[in-house]
Amino acid sequence: MVKRGKTHPFQQQQASSTYDANRHVLKLKFMCGKYFLQSDRGSFSNNNVDDTCRVCYESREKLQHMVLECSGLVAVRDPILRDIESRIEV
């Protein structure tokens, strides 16, 4: 449980490399709703930017797609969703 004034458990993890540190930054942006999706870029550039997901190239890169649908993120998403489900079930 995250409590006000306490550090989120995610921030307590130490990055062992530059790659891990960059992944942490992306995860924090997702958690805070500050990750700039391709669909956002397209709407700000009068649709001059391809809004296709850069992970799977199968759909528009929207938040719902990235969090719930992207086939390229299954290995990352499934363990997180299983953890959430185990915490919800009482």
N, C-alpha and C. Protein backbone atom coordinates (compact mmCIF):
# COMPACT_ATOMS: atom_id res chain seq x y z
N MET A 1 0.85 -1.18 0.00
CA MET A 1 0.00 0.00 0.00
C MET A 1 0.89 1.24 0.00
N VAL A 2 0.57 2.17 -0.85
CA VAL A 2 1.31 3.42 -0.92
C VAL A 2 0.60 4.44 -0.04
N LYS A 3 1.37 5.09 0.82
CA LYS A 3 0.80 6.08 1.72
C LYS A 3 1.38 7.44 1.44
N ARG A 4 0.59 8.44 1.68
CA ARG A 4 1.02 9.82 1.48
C ARG A 4 2.25 10.10 2.33
N GLY A 5 3.24 10.73 1.71
CA GLY A 5 4.48 11.06 2.41
C GLY A 5 5.51 9.95 2.40
N LYS A 6 5.14 8.80 1.87
CA LYS A 6 6.07 7.66 1.79
C LYS A 6 6.53 7.48 0.35
N THR A 7 7.73 6.98 0.18
CA THR A 7 8.26 6.71 -1.14
C THR A 7 7.57 5.49 -1.75
N HIS A 8 7.19 5.58 -3.00
CA HIS A 8 6.58 4.46 -3.71
C HIS A 8 7.61 3.34 -3.79
N PRO A 9 7.20 2.08 -3.58
CA PRO A 9 8.15 0.95 -3.64
C PRO A 9 8.96 0.91 -4.94
N PHE A 10 8.37 1.35 -6.03
CA PHE A 10 9.10 1.35 -7.30
C PHE A 10 10.34 2.23 -7.22
N GLN A 11 10.24 3.36 -6.52
CA GLN A 11 11.37 4.28 -6.43
C GLN A 11 12.47 3.77 -5.51
N GLN A 12 12.19 2.75 -4.75
CA GLN A 12 13.19 2.19 -3.85
C GLN A 12 14.11 1.20 -4.58
N GLN A 13 13.75 0.82 -5.79
CA GLN A 13 14.57 -0.10 -6.58
C GLN A 13 15.79 0.63 -7.13
N GLN A 14 16.93 -0.02 -7.08
CA GLN A 14 18.16 0.57 -7.60
C GLN A 14 18.39 0.11 -9.04
N ALA A 15 18.73 1.05 -9.89
CA ALA A 15 19.06 0.72 -11.28
C ALA A 15 20.50 0.23 -11.34
N SER A 16 20.71 -0.91 -11.99
CA SER A 16 22.05 -1.49 -12.05
C SER A 16 22.81 -1.06 -13.29
N SER A 17 22.15 -0.35 -14.19
CA SER A 17 22.81 0.10 -15.42
C SER A 17 22.09 1.33 -15.96
N THR A 18 22.68 1.95 -16.95
CA THR A 18 22.04 3.10 -17.61
C THR A 18 20.74 2.66 -18.27
N TYR A 19 20.75 1.47 -18.85
CA TYR A 19 19.54 0.93 -19.48
C TYR A 19 18.41 0.82 -18.46
N ASP A 20 18.71 0.26 -17.28
CA ASP A 20 17.70 0.13 -16.23
C ASP A 20 17.22 1.50 -15.75
N ALA A 21 18.14 2.44 -15.64
CA ALA A 21 17.76 3.80 -15.21
C ALA A 21 16.80 4.43 -16.21
N ASN A 22 17.06 4.24 -17.50
CA ASN A 22 16.17 4.77 -18.54
C ASN A 22 14.80 4.10 -18.48
N ARG A 23 14.79 2.80 -18.19
CA ARG A 23 13.52 2.08 -18.06
C ARG A 23 12.73 2.63 -16.88
N HIS A 24 13.43 2.94 -15.78
CA HIS A 24 12.77 3.51 -14.61
C HIS A 24 12.10 4.84 -14.96
N VAL A 25 12.80 5.66 -15.73
CA VAL A 25 12.25 6.96 -16.13
C VAL A 25 10.96 6.75 -16.93
N LEU A 26 10.98 5.82 -17.88
CA LEU A 26 9.78 5.55 -18.68
C LEU A 26 8.64 5.04 -17.82
N LYS A 27 8.95 4.15 -16.88
CA LYS A 27 7.90 3.62 -16.00
C LYS A 27 7.29 4.73 -15.15
N LEU A 28 8.14 5.61 -14.63
CA LEU A 28 7.63 6.72 -13.83
C LEU A 28 6.75 7.65 -14.66
N LYS A 29 7.13 7.88 -15.91
CA LYS A 29 6.31 8.71 -16.79
C LYS A 29 4.94 8.07 -17.01
N PHE A 30 4.91 6.74 -17.20
CA PHE A 30 3.64 6.04 -17.35
C PHE A 30 2.81 6.16 -16.08
N MET A 31 3.45 5.96 -14.94
CA MET A 31 2.74 6.01 -13.66
C MET A 31 2.13 7.38 -13.41
N CYS A 32 2.80 8.42 -13.86
CA CYS A 32 2.34 9.80 -13.63
C CYS A 32 1.48 10.33 -14.76
N GLY A 33 1.33 9.55 -15.82
CA GLY A 33 0.54 10.01 -16.96
C GLY A 33 1.26 11.05 -17.80
N LYS A 34 2.58 11.05 -17.77
CA LYS A 34 3.36 12.05 -18.50
C LYS A 34 4.11 11.48 -19.70
N TYR A 35 3.90 10.19 -20.01
CA TYR A 35 4.54 9.59 -21.18
C TYR A 35 3.86 10.15 -22.42
N PHE A 36 4.63 10.64 -23.37
CA PHE A 36 4.11 11.28 -24.58
C PHE A 36 3.94 10.22 -25.66
N LEU A 37 2.72 9.78 -25.86
CA LEU A 37 2.41 8.73 -26.82
C LEU A 37 2.45 9.25 -28.25
N GLN A 38 2.62 8.32 -29.20
CA GLN A 38 2.64 8.70 -30.62
C GLN A 38 1.33 9.37 -31.02
N SER A 39 0.22 8.92 -30.46
CA SER A 39 -1.07 9.55 -30.80
C SER A 39 -1.10 11.00 -30.31
N ASP A 40 -0.43 11.29 -29.19
CA ASP A 40 -0.33 12.67 -28.71
C ASP A 40 0.53 13.50 -29.66
N ARG A 41 1.64 12.93 -30.09
CA ARG A 41 2.52 13.64 -31.02
C ARG A 41 1.77 13.97 -32.31
N GLY A 42 0.98 13.02 -32.78
CA GLY A 42 0.21 13.23 -34.01
C GLY A 42 -0.80 14.35 -33.88
N SER A 43 -1.46 14.41 -32.73
CA SER A 43 -2.47 15.46 -32.56
C SER A 43 -1.85 16.84 -32.43
N PHE A 44 -0.62 16.93 -31.92
CA PHE A 44 0.05 18.22 -31.79
C PHE A 44 0.72 18.67 -33.08
N SER A 45 0.92 17.74 -34.01
CA SER A 45 1.62 18.09 -35.25
C SER A 45 0.69 18.03 -36.46
N ASN A 46 -0.60 18.25 -36.24
CA ASN A 46 -1.59 18.18 -37.32
C ASN A 46 -1.52 16.85 -38.06
N ASN A 47 -1.30 15.77 -37.30
CA ASN A 47 -1.25 14.41 -37.82
C ASN A 47 -0.14 14.19 -38.84
N ASN A 48 0.96 14.93 -38.71
CA ASN A 48 2.13 14.70 -39.57
C ASN A 48 3.04 13.63 -39.00
N VAL A 49 2.70 13.10 -37.84
CA VAL A 49 3.49 12.05 -37.20
C VAL A 49 2.70 10.76 -37.24
N ASP A 50 3.35 9.68 -37.62
CA ASP A 50 2.71 8.37 -37.64
C ASP A 50 2.43 7.95 -36.20
N ASP A 51 1.16 7.70 -35.87
CA ASP A 51 0.81 7.36 -34.49
C ASP A 51 0.76 5.86 -34.24
N THR A 52 1.34 5.08 -35.14
CA THR A 52 1.40 3.63 -34.97
C THR A 52 2.35 3.28 -33.82
N CYS A 53 1.96 2.29 -33.04
CA CYS A 53 2.77 1.83 -31.91
C CYS A 53 4.15 1.41 -32.40
N ARG A 54 5.19 1.93 -31.77
CA ARG A 54 6.55 1.61 -32.18
C ARG A 54 7.06 0.30 -31.58
N VAL A 55 6.23 -0.34 -30.77
CA VAL A 55 6.62 -1.63 -30.19
C VAL A 55 6.12 -2.77 -31.06
N CYS A 56 4.83 -2.73 -31.44
CA CYS A 56 4.25 -3.84 -32.20
C CYS A 56 3.87 -3.49 -33.64
N TYR A 57 3.76 -2.22 -33.95
CA TYR A 57 3.35 -1.75 -35.28
C TYR A 57 2.00 -2.32 -35.72
N GLU A 58 1.10 -2.60 -34.77
CA GLU A 58 -0.19 -3.20 -35.09
C GLU A 58 -1.37 -2.26 -34.89
N SER A 59 -1.21 -1.21 -34.11
CA SER A 59 -2.33 -0.36 -33.75
C SER A 59 -1.84 1.05 -33.42
N ARG A 60 -2.80 1.96 -33.20
CA ARG A 60 -2.43 3.31 -32.76
C ARG A 60 -1.86 3.22 -31.35
N GLU A 61 -0.82 3.99 -31.10
CA GLU A 61 -0.19 3.99 -29.79
C GLU A 61 -0.98 4.92 -28.86
N LYS A 62 -1.95 4.34 -28.17
CA LYS A 62 -2.74 5.06 -27.18
C LYS A 62 -2.48 4.38 -25.84
N LEU A 63 -2.84 5.05 -24.77
CA LEU A 63 -2.57 4.51 -23.44
C LEU A 63 -3.21 3.14 -23.24
N GLN A 64 -4.46 2.99 -23.64
CA GLN A 64 -5.13 1.69 -23.50
C GLN A 64 -4.37 0.60 -24.25
N HIS A 65 -3.92 0.91 -25.45
CA HIS A 65 -3.18 -0.07 -26.24
C HIS A 65 -1.88 -0.46 -25.52
N MET A 66 -1.13 0.54 -25.05
CA MET A 66 0.16 0.27 -24.41
C MET A 66 0.00 -0.54 -23.13
N VAL A 67 -1.01 -0.21 -22.33
CA VAL A 67 -1.18 -0.86 -21.03
C VAL A 67 -1.87 -2.21 -21.13
N LEU A 68 -2.83 -2.36 -22.04
CA LEU A 68 -3.65 -3.57 -22.05
C LEU A 68 -3.57 -4.44 -23.30
N GLU A 69 -3.16 -3.89 -24.44
CA GLU A 69 -3.33 -4.62 -25.69
C GLU A 69 -2.05 -4.94 -26.46
N CYS A 70 -1.01 -4.16 -26.33
CA CYS A 70 0.17 -4.30 -27.18
C CYS A 70 0.81 -5.69 -27.06
N SER A 71 0.90 -6.39 -28.18
CA SER A 71 1.46 -7.74 -28.18
C SER A 71 2.95 -7.74 -27.85
N GLY A 72 3.62 -6.65 -28.12
CA GLY A 72 5.05 -6.56 -27.82
C GLY A 72 5.36 -6.33 -26.36
N LEU A 73 4.35 -6.03 -25.57
CA LEU A 73 4.56 -5.77 -24.14
C LEU A 73 3.98 -6.85 -23.24
N VAL A 74 3.59 -7.98 -23.81
CA VAL A 74 2.99 -9.07 -23.04
C VAL A 74 3.92 -9.52 -21.92
N ALA A 75 5.20 -9.70 -22.21
CA ALA A 75 6.14 -10.20 -21.21
C ALA A 75 6.31 -9.23 -20.05
N VAL A 76 6.12 -7.95 -20.30
CA VAL A 76 6.22 -6.95 -19.24
C VAL A 76 4.89 -6.82 -18.51
N ARG A 77 3.80 -6.81 -19.27
CA ARG A 77 2.48 -6.54 -18.73
C ARG A 77 1.93 -7.69 -17.89
N ASP A 78 2.05 -8.92 -18.34
CA ASP A 78 1.41 -10.05 -17.67
C ASP A 78 1.84 -10.23 -16.21
N PRO A 79 3.14 -10.17 -15.89
CA PRO A 79 3.51 -10.30 -14.47
C PRO A 79 2.92 -9.18 -13.60
N ILE A 80 2.84 -8.00 -14.15
CA ILE A 80 2.28 -6.87 -13.40
C ILE A 80 0.79 -7.08 -13.17
N LEU A 81 0.07 -7.50 -14.21
CA LEU A 81 -1.37 -7.74 -14.07
C LEU A 81 -1.65 -8.89 -13.12
N ARG A 82 -0.83 -9.95 -13.15
CA ARG A 82 -1.00 -11.07 -12.22
C ARG A 82 -0.81 -10.59 -10.78
N ASP A 83 0.19 -9.74 -10.57
CA ASP A 83 0.44 -9.20 -9.23
C ASP A 83 -0.75 -8.36 -8.76
N ILE A 84 -1.28 -7.53 -9.64
CA ILE A 84 -2.44 -6.71 -9.28
C ILE A 84 -3.64 -7.60 -8.95
N GLU A 85 -3.88 -8.61 -9.79
CA GLU A 85 -5.00 -9.52 -9.56
C GLU A 85 -4.86 -10.25 -8.23
N SER A 86 -3.64 -10.67 -7.89
CA SER A 86 -3.44 -11.40 -6.63
C SER A 86 -3.68 -10.50 -5.43
N ARG A 87 -3.42 -9.22 -5.57
CA ARG A 87 -3.65 -8.28 -4.46
C ARG A 87 -5.12 -7.90 -4.33
N ILE A 88 -5.86 -7.95 -5.43
CA ILE A 88 -7.27 -7.60 -5.40
C ILE A 88 -8.10 -8.73 -4.82
N GLU A 89 -7.78 -9.97 -5.19
CA GLU A 89 -8.55 -11.13 -4.72
C GLU A 89 -8.28 -11.35 -3.24
N VAL A 90 -9.35 -11.40 -2.48
CA VAL A 90 -9.21 -11.57 -1.02
C VAL A 90 -9.81 -12.88 -0.61
